[in-house]
Amino acid sequence: GERHGPWHRWIIWYTFLRGANSFWLWQGSGGSSGHIIGTTIAPDFTWYDHMSEGLAEINQIQSGIGKLAMSLRRSDDGVAVLYSPSSMLMANLTPEFPKRWDSMSALTVILPESNFQYRIIASEQLENGVLREGEIRLLYLPNAQALSAAEVKEIRAFAKNGGAIVADLRPAVADEHGKPHAVGALDDLFGITQDTKSPAPLKGTVELRDAIGEFDGELPTTHADASIKLSGGKALAKVNDVPAVIVNDFGAGKAVLFNFAISDYVVDKLMFGSRSLIRFTDEATAEKSSQFIRGVFEHCGISPVVPMTPQTPGCHLYRFHSDGVHVMGLLQEAAPFMPGVGYKPMPVLEKVAQRRSDITLKLNEPQHVYDVLAKKHLGLVDRIPRMVQPGEPHLFATLDYKIDSLLVTPASASVRQGQALSFSVQVQTSGADAGSHVLQIQMTDPDGKSAKMYASKELAKGGKYTGRIPLSLDEKTGDWTISVRDVVSGISAHATVKVVGDN
């Protein structure tokens, strides 16, 4: 897969859209065979074909899209996931249940598959009151067996004040040192009792008693804890005769406990034992799991900000925002990472890579939508239809206003060699004032050649930018062209300045 062009394009965009600010290749030459992971250069020092495809994507990102992303904040749906090192260590004491990384790493697949963006918070942030800041509406506790008294206090207060708590398997059965409580510290929140010292593992399918959102039926075989008993909570599903999905009202908030290992529905060790490269076991499980999560979150009052219909396996949405500019990346997983595929012979991967699916993104209200990669205005719309294909990226910007033009104004008609060329740029809009934009700036000399040493990407806050380019002492004289392109819309504008000598 790593020497497959579509895979190489995908990994670059996947890395970028997940928030990375750099892309690292660790192996330049692959020897005579070239069969080394990360290989970029053939023995004759030419680029491999797959790397040439990857370079095209890197160049596109570096043309200003990367600068745009660096100016944005990652959006989320008010969903936070607790990163609890104490709980991960304690997982070693319950080998029948998920290993220490399993629950956390599985959520990095399950939540995006369900079309939810999330943030991860540390135990210290929880203790210091991050839930009181008002941005988080739902907290997920993945196999969070070991929680401090301060963490428990914050969780309880959050739920009482209207927040939602979702947990899986044995929440708060011990303190942060792994010492079991006599009674689970959050048992009353979930409306249960559980044996804090001696879990009772069992396996079975998760059978729903009532539909949860769009999902009805059963989830595949998983691990559950038979020591769980109801104590005020309501069971919506069971594993054999053991409560498997328990809901409970707590103060003004809601609590949901998954008494099963949702991480059983993804597989790891996809490549060389790496635990970060995980995927769903099959498409049916991916669809069921995402429907289940959306149904549970809907019960808690949380829905995707930008719904996708139909919810296509392996197709994920990445959202960012800043100062009135919202950017969405749409990327379906590369063939090896699609549910139920994995690393197969190349003909199989090629066939999977040719799949096509039609999806529609639904906006809350009509917005001016721009296809950033195609440099095209899609109009004032509340729906974005798109055909997706494994590994192929799409990038959209949604604005409250239409970008009409750019205005480039030199400070003077001429400038001397060795002095600074000053100019201003304004993004002209209709409908609302401009937010922050990224401008790609280039200079062309009197011979029509691009002067790369003067090129830059700049952030125009409020759609305005003032630039200053120092010229060399012996710069060419004649008419120079300043070219400015708005990264979001692709709209460009030009201005001419004469460079003169001392004579």
Protein backbone atom coordinates (compact mmCIF):
# COMPACT_ATOMS: atom_id res chain seq x y z
CA GLY A 1 0.00 0.00 0.00
CA GLU A 2 2.79 2.47 0.80
CA ARG A 3 4.05 2.32 -2.81
CA HIS A 4 0.54 2.90 -4.15
CA GLY A 5 -0.02 6.46 -5.44
CA PRO A 6 -3.54 6.89 -4.01
CA TRP A 7 -2.31 5.63 -0.63
CA HIS A 8 0.53 8.15 -0.68
CA ARG A 9 -1.81 11.01 -1.53
CA TRP A 10 -4.17 9.89 1.22
CA ILE A 11 -1.58 9.66 4.00
CA ILE A 12 -0.46 13.25 3.30
CA TRP A 13 -4.00 14.65 3.50
CA TYR A 14 -4.92 12.36 6.39
CA THR A 15 -1.94 13.64 8.37
CA PHE A 16 -2.70 17.24 7.45
CA LEU A 17 -6.43 17.14 8.21
CA ARG A 18 -5.83 15.55 11.60
CA GLY A 19 -3.88 18.64 12.60
CA ALA A 20 -0.22 17.87 11.85
CA ASN A 21 1.94 20.85 10.88
CA SER A 22 4.58 18.76 9.09
CA PHE A 23 4.90 15.52 7.13
CA TRP A 24 8.02 13.43 7.72
CA LEU A 25 9.60 10.82 5.45
CA TRP A 26 12.24 8.78 7.21
CA GLN A 27 13.70 6.62 4.46
CA GLY A 28 15.06 8.24 1.32
CA SER A 29 16.49 5.33 -0.64
CA GLY A 30 14.97 1.88 -0.84
CA GLY A 31 18.04 0.04 -2.11
CA SER A 32 18.01 -2.00 -5.27
CA SER A 33 14.52 -3.40 -4.66
CA GLY A 34 12.93 -0.23 -3.32
CA HIS A 35 10.75 -2.31 -0.98
CA ILE A 36 11.27 -0.33 2.21
CA ILE A 37 8.46 1.50 3.97
CA GLY A 38 8.71 5.25 3.41
CA THR A 39 10.89 4.90 0.31
CA THR A 40 10.90 8.02 -1.86
CA ILE A 41 13.88 7.81 -4.23
CA ALA A 42 14.81 5.10 -6.72
CA PRO A 43 18.41 3.82 -6.96
CA ASP A 44 18.97 6.17 -9.93
CA PHE A 45 17.95 9.14 -7.70
CA THR A 46 14.66 9.78 -9.46
CA TRP A 47 11.38 10.01 -7.59
CA TYR A 48 9.28 6.88 -7.47
CA ASP A 49 5.92 7.36 -9.19
CA HIS A 50 4.01 7.17 -5.92
CA MET A 51 6.26 9.85 -4.42
CA SER A 52 5.72 12.10 -7.43
CA GLU A 53 1.99 11.88 -6.76
CA GLY A 54 2.61 12.67 -3.10
CA LEU A 55 4.79 15.66 -3.96
CA ALA A 56 1.95 17.14 -6.00
CA GLU A 57 -0.25 17.05 -2.89
CA ILE A 58 2.50 18.51 -0.69
CA ASN A 59 3.04 21.35 -3.17
CA GLN A 60 -0.68 22.06 -3.19
CA ILE A 61 -0.80 22.24 0.60
CA GLN A 62 2.29 24.45 0.67
CA SER A 63 0.75 26.84 -1.85
CA GLY A 64 -1.22 28.45 0.98
CA ILE A 65 -3.63 25.78 2.23
CA GLY A 66 -1.18 24.87 4.99
CA LYS A 67 -0.87 28.50 6.06
CA LEU A 68 -4.67 28.73 6.09
CA ALA A 69 -4.94 25.66 8.33
CA MET A 70 -2.34 27.06 10.72
CA SER A 71 -4.53 30.14 11.18
CA LEU A 72 -7.60 28.05 12.08
CA ARG A 73 -8.77 26.22 15.18
CA ARG A 74 -10.00 22.65 15.04
CA SER A 75 -13.76 22.59 15.57
CA ASP A 76 -15.54 19.99 17.67
CA ASP A 77 -19.11 19.01 18.51
CA GLY A 78 -18.77 19.74 22.20
CA VAL A 79 -17.49 16.19 22.71
CA ALA A 80 -14.47 15.51 24.93
CA VAL A 81 -12.66 12.23 25.61
CA LEU A 82 -10.76 11.75 28.88
CA TYR A 83 -7.14 10.61 28.60
CA SER A 84 -6.54 8.82 31.91
CA PRO A 85 -3.05 7.28 32.31
CA SER A 86 -4.06 5.83 35.69
CA SER A 87 -6.93 3.96 34.06
CA MET A 88 -4.68 2.71 31.28
CA LEU A 89 -2.27 1.26 33.84
CA MET A 90 -5.11 -0.32 35.78
CA ALA A 91 -6.31 -2.03 32.60
CA ASN A 92 -3.36 -4.38 33.05
CA LEU A 93 -5.18 -5.81 36.08
CA THR A 94 -8.25 -6.76 34.02
CA PRO A 95 -6.77 -8.72 31.09
CA GLU A 96 -10.22 -10.04 30.08
CA PHE A 97 -11.21 -6.50 29.10
CA PRO A 98 -9.60 -4.02 26.66
CA LYS A 99 -5.86 -3.47 27.00
CA ARG A 100 -4.65 -0.09 28.14
CA TRP A 101 -4.67 1.65 24.73
CA ASP A 102 -7.59 -0.17 23.17
CA SER A 103 -10.56 1.93 24.30
CA MET A 104 -8.82 5.25 23.66
CA SER A 105 -7.39 4.31 20.27
CA ALA A 106 -10.68 2.76 19.14
CA LEU A 107 -12.48 6.06 19.71
CA THR A 108 -10.18 7.76 17.20
CA VAL A 109 -11.88 5.55 14.60
CA ILE A 110 -15.39 5.20 16.03
CA LEU A 111 -16.13 8.89 16.68
CA PRO A 112 -15.03 10.16 13.21
CA GLU A 113 -16.93 7.27 11.62
CA SER A 114 -20.00 8.53 13.50
CA ASN A 115 -19.33 12.06 12.15
CA PHE A 116 -18.32 13.58 15.48
CA GLN A 117 -15.28 15.74 16.07
CA TYR A 118 -13.90 15.68 19.57
CA ARG A 119 -11.14 16.96 21.79
CA ILE A 120 -9.02 14.94 24.21
CA ILE A 121 -8.61 16.28 27.74
CA ALA A 122 -6.07 15.18 30.34
CA SER A 123 -6.84 14.24 33.92
CA GLU A 124 -5.22 17.48 35.10
CA GLN A 125 -7.49 19.54 32.85
CA LEU A 126 -10.52 17.74 34.23
CA GLU A 127 -9.40 18.35 37.80
CA ASN A 128 -8.74 22.03 37.02
CA GLY A 129 -12.29 22.64 35.79
CA VAL A 130 -12.22 22.42 31.99
CA LEU A 131 -15.82 21.14 32.08
CA ARG A 132 -16.89 24.42 33.70
CA GLU A 133 -15.70 26.54 30.76
CA GLY A 134 -18.90 25.89 28.81
CA GLU A 135 -17.54 24.48 25.54
CA ILE A 136 -17.88 20.77 26.39
CA ARG A 137 -21.35 19.23 26.37
CA LEU A 138 -20.51 15.52 26.48
CA LEU A 139 -17.63 13.76 28.22
CA TYR A 140 -16.66 10.23 27.17
CA LEU A 141 -14.84 8.08 29.74
CA PRO A 142 -13.07 5.21 27.89
CA ASN A 143 -12.51 2.32 30.31
CA ALA A 144 -11.87 4.95 33.00
CA GLN A 145 -11.50 2.62 35.97
CA ALA A 146 -9.11 4.77 38.04
CA LEU A 147 -10.22 8.35 38.71
CA SER A 148 -9.15 10.77 41.42
CA ALA A 149 -11.61 12.31 43.89
CA ALA A 150 -11.15 15.66 42.14
CA GLU A 151 -12.00 14.12 38.75
CA VAL A 152 -15.10 12.45 40.17
CA LYS A 153 -16.23 15.71 41.76
CA GLU A 154 -15.94 17.59 38.45
CA ILE A 155 -17.76 14.83 36.53
CA ARG A 156 -20.65 14.77 38.99
CA ALA A 157 -21.00 18.56 38.99
CA PHE A 158 -20.91 18.62 35.18
CA ALA A 159 -23.75 16.09 34.94
CA LYS A 160 -25.84 17.81 37.62
CA ASN A 161 -25.59 21.07 35.67
CA GLY A 162 -26.86 19.52 32.44
CA GLY A 163 -23.82 17.84 30.90
CA ALA A 164 -23.82 14.34 29.42
CA ILE A 165 -21.50 11.54 30.55
CA VAL A 166 -20.89 8.45 28.42
CA ALA A 167 -18.61 5.68 29.68
CA ASP A 168 -17.66 2.13 28.85
CA LEU A 169 -16.72 -0.69 31.24
CA ARG A 170 -16.23 -0.20 34.97
CA PRO A 171 -16.09 3.58 35.41
CA ALA A 172 -14.50 4.90 38.64
CA VAL A 173 -14.15 1.56 40.44
CA ALA A 174 -10.82 2.75 41.94
CA ASP A 175 -8.91 5.89 42.86
CA GLU A 176 -6.07 7.28 40.76
CA HIS A 177 -3.64 4.84 42.43
CA GLY A 178 -5.74 1.82 41.48
CA LYS A 179 -7.09 1.19 44.99
CA PRO A 180 -10.65 -0.16 44.64
CA HIS A 181 -13.51 1.75 46.24
CA ALA A 182 -16.04 -0.05 48.39
CA VAL A 183 -18.68 1.38 46.04
CA GLY A 184 -18.01 2.72 42.55
CA ALA A 185 -17.57 6.50 42.79
CA LEU A 186 -19.94 7.08 39.86
CA ASP A 187 -22.34 4.17 40.38
CA ASP A 188 -25.26 6.42 41.38
CA LEU A 189 -24.61 8.67 38.38
CA PHE A 190 -25.12 5.72 36.01
CA GLY A 191 -27.83 4.09 38.14
CA ILE A 192 -25.91 0.86 38.73
CA THR A 193 -23.95 -1.19 41.22
CA GLN A 194 -20.80 -3.10 40.28
CA ASP A 195 -18.22 -5.27 41.97
CA THR A 196 -15.25 -2.93 42.21
CA LYS A 197 -12.75 -5.66 43.07
CA SER A 198 -13.82 -8.71 41.08
CA PRO A 199 -15.33 -8.15 37.63
CA ALA A 200 -17.20 -11.03 36.03
CA PRO A 201 -16.22 -11.16 32.34
CA LEU A 202 -18.55 -12.72 29.81
CA LYS A 203 -18.91 -12.65 26.03
CA GLY A 204 -21.99 -12.22 23.91
CA THR A 205 -23.81 -10.06 21.40
CA VAL A 206 -25.36 -6.73 22.40
CA GLU A 207 -29.13 -7.10 21.91
CA LEU A 208 -31.24 -3.93 21.93
CA ARG A 209 -34.63 -3.91 23.62
CA ASP A 210 -35.60 -0.62 21.97
CA ALA A 211 -34.24 1.25 18.96
CA ILE A 212 -31.53 3.80 19.71
CA GLY A 213 -31.85 6.50 17.09
CA GLU A 214 -31.56 4.87 13.66
CA PHE A 215 -30.05 1.71 15.11
CA ASP A 216 -32.12 -1.34 15.93
CA GLY A 217 -31.05 -4.95 16.27
CA GLU A 218 -27.78 -6.13 17.76
CA LEU A 219 -24.07 -5.39 17.86
CA PRO A 220 -21.50 -8.16 17.33
CA THR A 221 -19.91 -10.30 20.02
CA THR A 222 -18.05 -8.36 22.68
CA HIS A 223 -16.87 -8.49 26.31
CA ALA A 224 -19.13 -7.36 29.17
CA ASP A 225 -19.02 -7.31 32.98
CA ALA A 226 -21.66 -9.55 34.57
CA SER A 227 -21.14 -7.90 37.97
CA ILE A 228 -23.17 -4.88 36.80
CA LYS A 229 -26.64 -4.59 38.35
CA LEU A 230 -29.30 -1.92 37.83
CA SER A 231 -29.93 0.51 40.67
CA GLY A 232 -32.18 3.18 39.22
CA GLY A 233 -30.84 3.12 35.68
CA LYS A 234 -32.72 1.75 32.68
CA ALA A 235 -31.28 -0.97 30.43
CA LEU A 236 -31.78 -0.39 26.71
CA ALA A 237 -29.77 -3.47 25.71
CA LYS A 238 -28.32 -6.63 27.20
CA VAL A 239 -25.51 -9.13 26.71
CA ASN A 240 -27.15 -12.43 27.54
CA ASP A 241 -29.15 -11.30 30.61
CA VAL A 242 -26.66 -8.64 31.74
CA PRO A 243 -27.47 -4.92 31.24
CA ALA A 244 -25.33 -3.66 28.36
CA VAL A 245 -26.53 -0.11 27.64
CA ILE A 246 -27.76 1.72 30.74
CA VAL A 247 -29.23 5.23 30.71
CA ASN A 248 -29.92 7.40 33.73
CA ASP A 249 -30.91 10.98 34.49
CA PHE A 250 -28.66 12.72 37.00
CA GLY A 251 -29.60 16.23 38.04
CA ALA A 252 -30.18 18.20 34.84
CA GLY A 253 -27.88 15.90 32.86
CA LYS A 254 -27.78 12.42 31.40
CA ALA A 255 -25.50 9.44 31.86
CA VAL A 256 -25.04 6.45 29.56
CA LEU A 257 -22.94 3.40 30.36
CA PHE A 258 -21.79 0.91 27.72
CA ASN A 259 -21.22 -2.25 29.73
CA PHE A 260 -19.26 -3.75 26.86
CA ALA A 261 -15.97 -3.24 25.02
CA ILE A 262 -16.79 -1.14 21.96
CA SER A 263 -13.11 -1.45 21.02
CA ASP A 264 -13.85 -5.09 20.07
CA TYR A 265 -15.34 -3.73 16.85
CA VAL A 266 -12.07 -2.39 15.48
CA VAL A 267 -8.89 -4.29 14.73
CA ASP A 268 -5.31 -3.21 15.33
CA LYS A 269 -1.93 -4.56 14.27
CA LEU A 270 -2.84 -3.58 10.73
CA MET A 271 0.81 -3.15 9.82
CA PHE A 272 3.88 -4.41 11.69
CA GLY A 273 2.02 -4.47 14.99
CA SER A 274 1.38 -0.72 14.96
CA ARG A 275 -1.48 0.07 17.32
CA SER A 276 -2.20 3.43 15.72
CA LEU A 277 -3.26 2.02 12.34
CA ILE A 278 -6.68 0.59 13.15
CA ARG A 279 -9.91 0.07 11.25
CA PHE A 280 -13.33 -1.54 11.63
CA THR A 281 -13.58 -5.30 11.25
CA ASP A 282 -16.11 -4.96 8.40
CA GLU A 283 -18.49 -2.47 6.80
CA ALA A 284 -21.58 -3.83 8.56
CA THR A 285 -19.94 -3.34 11.96
CA ALA A 286 -18.80 0.15 10.97
CA GLU A 287 -22.34 1.09 9.97
CA LYS A 288 -23.92 -0.43 13.09
CA SER A 289 -21.37 1.14 15.43
CA SER A 290 -21.72 4.62 13.93
CA GLN A 291 -25.53 4.42 14.00
CA PHE A 292 -25.37 3.28 17.61
CA ILE A 293 -23.05 6.12 18.68
CA ARG A 294 -25.13 8.74 16.86
CA GLY A 295 -28.27 7.37 18.54
CA VAL A 296 -26.72 7.49 22.01
CA PHE A 297 -25.33 10.98 21.50
CA GLU A 298 -28.70 12.13 20.14
CA HIS A 299 -30.27 10.81 23.37
CA CYS A 300 -27.82 13.14 25.14
CA GLY A 301 -28.76 16.09 22.92
CA ILE A 302 -25.65 15.95 20.73
CA SER A 303 -25.88 15.72 16.92
CA PRO A 304 -23.28 16.21 14.17
CA VAL A 305 -22.93 19.90 13.28
CA VAL A 306 -22.67 19.01 9.58
CA PRO A 307 -24.69 15.84 8.87
CA MET A 308 -23.54 13.56 6.06
CA THR A 309 -26.09 11.55 4.09
CA PRO A 310 -25.71 8.74 3.57
CA GLN A 311 -23.10 8.07 6.22
CA THR A 312 -20.57 6.31 3.99
CA PRO A 313 -18.12 3.77 5.50
CA GLY A 314 -14.66 5.24 5.96
CA CYS A 315 -15.71 8.75 4.88
CA HIS A 316 -14.75 11.35 7.49
CA LEU A 317 -15.28 15.09 7.85
CA TYR A 318 -12.67 17.40 9.40
CA ARG A 319 -13.76 20.92 10.42
CA PHE A 320 -11.81 24.06 11.33
CA HIS A 321 -12.80 27.68 11.98
CA SER A 322 -11.54 31.19 12.69
CA ASP A 323 -12.97 34.72 12.38
CA GLY A 324 -15.98 33.89 10.22
CA VAL A 325 -14.13 31.40 8.01
CA HIS A 326 -15.08 27.72 8.30
CA VAL A 327 -13.08 25.06 6.45
CA MET A 328 -14.13 21.43 5.99
CA GLY A 329 -11.95 18.60 4.75
CA LEU A 330 -13.72 15.53 3.39
CA LEU A 331 -11.60 12.41 3.04
CA GLN A 332 -12.50 8.77 2.61
CA GLU A 333 -9.92 6.37 4.00
CA ALA A 334 -7.39 4.82 1.63
CA ALA A 335 -8.16 1.27 0.55
CA PRO A 336 -6.14 -0.60 3.24
CA PHE A 337 -7.89 1.37 5.99
CA MET A 338 -11.43 0.88 4.73
CA PRO A 339 -13.62 -1.27 7.01
CA GLY A 340 -12.94 -4.95 6.45
CA VAL A 341 -10.16 -4.47 3.87
CA GLY A 342 -6.67 -4.28 5.39
CA TYR A 343 -3.48 -4.99 3.49
CA LYS A 344 -4.48 -7.18 0.56
CA PRO A 345 -2.82 -7.94 -2.80
CA MET A 346 -2.53 -4.85 -4.99
CA PRO A 347 -5.30 -5.89 -7.45
CA VAL A 348 -7.73 -6.04 -4.51
CA LEU A 349 -6.65 -2.61 -3.25
CA GLU A 350 -6.90 -1.16 -6.76
CA LYS A 351 -10.48 -2.40 -7.02
CA VAL A 352 -11.40 -0.91 -3.63
CA ALA A 353 -9.72 2.37 -4.59
CA GLN A 354 -12.05 2.68 -7.59
CA ARG A 355 -15.24 2.68 -5.51
CA ARG A 356 -17.46 5.74 -5.90
CA SER A 357 -20.11 6.99 -3.49
CA ASP A 358 -22.40 10.01 -3.65
CA ILE A 359 -22.84 11.89 -0.38
CA THR A 360 -24.36 15.22 0.67
CA LEU A 361 -23.21 17.53 3.45
CA LYS A 362 -26.03 19.51 5.09
CA LEU A 363 -25.30 23.00 6.45
CA ASN A 364 -27.39 24.67 9.16
CA GLU A 365 -28.13 27.61 6.86
CA PRO A 366 -27.22 28.79 3.36
CA GLN A 367 -23.57 29.80 3.12
CA HIS A 368 -21.24 30.89 0.37
CA VAL A 369 -19.34 27.66 -0.31
CA TYR A 370 -15.97 27.50 -2.05
CA ASP A 371 -14.27 24.39 -3.38
CA VAL A 372 -10.74 25.29 -2.27
CA LEU A 373 -8.91 22.66 -4.34
CA ALA A 374 -10.87 23.45 -7.51
CA LYS A 375 -10.74 27.22 -6.79
CA LYS A 376 -14.47 27.47 -7.47
CA HIS A 377 -17.43 29.27 -5.90
CA LEU A 378 -20.27 26.75 -5.48
CA GLY A 379 -22.86 29.39 -4.67
CA LEU A 380 -25.04 30.34 -1.70
CA VAL A 381 -26.20 26.86 -0.68
CA ASP A 382 -27.13 24.77 2.35
CA ARG A 383 -26.14 21.44 0.78
CA ILE A 384 -22.87 20.26 -0.71
CA PRO A 385 -23.24 17.16 -2.93
CA ARG A 386 -20.04 15.32 -3.69
CA MET A 387 -18.80 12.03 -5.14
CA VAL A 388 -16.17 10.50 -2.87
CA GLN A 389 -13.50 7.92 -3.60
CA PRO A 390 -11.05 6.20 -1.22
CA GLY A 391 -7.98 8.37 -0.66
CA GLU A 392 -9.17 11.40 -2.66
CA PRO A 393 -9.42 14.70 -0.69
CA HIS A 394 -12.00 17.47 -0.88
CA LEU A 395 -11.68 20.85 0.83
CA PHE A 396 -14.48 23.39 1.28
CA ALA A 397 -14.72 26.83 2.85
CA THR A 398 -18.07 28.20 4.02
CA LEU A 399 -18.46 31.95 4.52
CA ASP A 400 -21.19 34.40 5.49
CA TYR A 401 -20.15 36.54 2.52
CA LYS A 402 -19.16 36.29 -1.11
CA ILE A 403 -15.62 37.19 -2.15
CA ASP A 404 -15.98 39.65 -5.02
CA SER A 405 -12.39 40.61 -5.77
CA LEU A 406 -8.98 41.54 -4.41
CA LEU A 407 -7.64 45.08 -4.48
CA VAL A 408 -3.84 45.38 -4.63
CA THR A 409 -2.54 48.91 -4.08
CA PRO A 410 1.19 49.77 -4.24
CA ALA A 411 2.28 52.55 -1.88
CA SER A 412 3.95 54.30 -4.83
CA ALA A 413 4.21 53.84 -8.57
CA SER A 414 7.97 53.33 -8.41
CA VAL A 415 10.63 52.20 -5.96
CA ARG A 416 14.42 52.38 -6.06
CA GLN A 417 16.81 49.42 -6.03
CA GLY A 418 17.65 48.42 -2.46
CA GLN A 419 14.53 49.99 -1.01
CA ALA A 420 11.35 48.31 0.23
CA LEU A 421 8.35 47.88 -2.00
CA SER A 422 5.27 48.57 0.12
CA PHE A 423 1.72 47.64 -0.85
CA SER A 424 -1.67 46.81 0.62
CA VAL A 425 -4.26 44.15 -0.19
CA GLN A 426 -7.96 44.15 0.60
CA VAL A 427 -10.38 41.25 0.18
CA GLN A 428 -13.54 42.88 -1.16
CA THR A 429 -16.79 41.14 -0.19
CA SER A 430 -20.55 41.43 -0.34
CA GLY A 431 -22.96 40.28 2.36
CA ALA A 432 -20.68 40.71 5.39
CA ASP A 433 -17.22 41.91 6.33
CA ALA A 434 -14.31 39.64 5.45
CA GLY A 435 -12.83 37.29 8.01
CA SER A 436 -9.22 36.15 8.09
CA HIS A 437 -7.86 35.07 4.71
CA VAL A 438 -4.53 33.70 3.53
CA LEU A 439 -2.92 35.38 0.53
CA GLN A 440 -0.32 33.84 -1.76
CA ILE A 441 1.98 36.64 -2.91
CA GLN A 442 4.36 36.40 -5.85
CA MET A 443 6.59 38.83 -7.74
CA THR A 444 7.37 38.68 -11.45
CA ASP A 445 10.41 40.53 -12.83
CA PRO A 446 10.49 42.63 -16.04
CA ASP A 447 11.52 39.52 -18.03
CA GLY A 448 8.39 37.65 -16.91
CA LYS A 449 10.27 35.33 -14.55
CA SER A 450 8.96 34.50 -11.09
CA ALA A 451 11.17 35.88 -8.30
CA LYS A 452 10.81 33.09 -5.74
CA MET A 453 12.89 34.92 -3.12
CA TYR A 454 10.10 37.50 -2.82
CA ALA A 455 7.22 35.00 -2.64
CA SER A 456 5.30 34.52 0.60
CA LYS A 457 2.01 33.42 2.16
CA GLU A 458 0.46 35.99 4.45
CA LEU A 459 -2.50 36.16 6.81
CA ALA A 460 -4.93 39.00 6.07
CA LYS A 461 -6.90 39.56 9.28
CA GLY A 462 -10.26 41.09 8.56
CA GLY A 463 -9.43 40.69 4.87
CA LYS A 464 -6.68 43.34 5.02
CA TYR A 465 -2.92 43.04 4.65
CA THR A 466 -0.07 45.52 4.36
CA GLY A 467 3.13 44.12 2.87
CA ARG A 468 6.73 45.25 2.63
CA ILE A 469 9.25 43.52 0.33
CA PRO A 470 12.91 44.66 0.61
CA LEU A 471 14.54 44.69 -2.84
CA SER A 472 18.17 43.81 -3.49
CA LEU A 473 20.66 46.61 -4.16
CA ASP A 474 21.18 45.49 -7.76
CA GLU A 475 17.62 44.40 -8.54
CA LYS A 476 16.50 44.45 -12.18
CA THR A 477 15.02 47.73 -13.26
CA GLY A 478 11.74 47.94 -15.09
CA ASP A 479 8.12 46.99 -14.49
CA TRP A 480 7.57 44.40 -11.77
CA THR A 481 4.22 42.68 -11.19
CA ILE A 482 2.80 41.93 -7.75
CA SER A 483 0.40 38.97 -7.97
CA VAL A 484 -1.87 38.11 -5.04
CA ARG A 485 -4.16 35.07 -4.83
CA ASP A 486 -6.77 34.38 -2.17
CA VAL A 487 -6.32 30.75 -1.10
CA VAL A 488 -9.98 30.11 -0.27
CA SER A 489 -11.55 31.35 -3.50
CA GLY A 490 -8.66 31.24 -5.95
CA ILE A 491 -9.44 34.86 -6.93
CA SER A 492 -6.32 36.82 -7.85
CA ALA A 493 -5.32 40.38 -8.61
CA HIS A 494 -2.21 42.14 -9.88
CA ALA A 495 -0.47 45.49 -9.70
CA THR A 496 2.60 46.92 -11.41
CA VAL A 497 5.48 48.82 -9.79
CA LYS A 498 8.49 50.25 -11.61
CA VAL A 499 11.89 49.54 -10.08
CA VAL A 500 14.34 52.31 -10.93
CA GLY A 501 18.08 52.73 -10.49
CA ASP A 502 20.03 55.66 -9.10
CA ASN A 503 20.65 57.13 -12.54
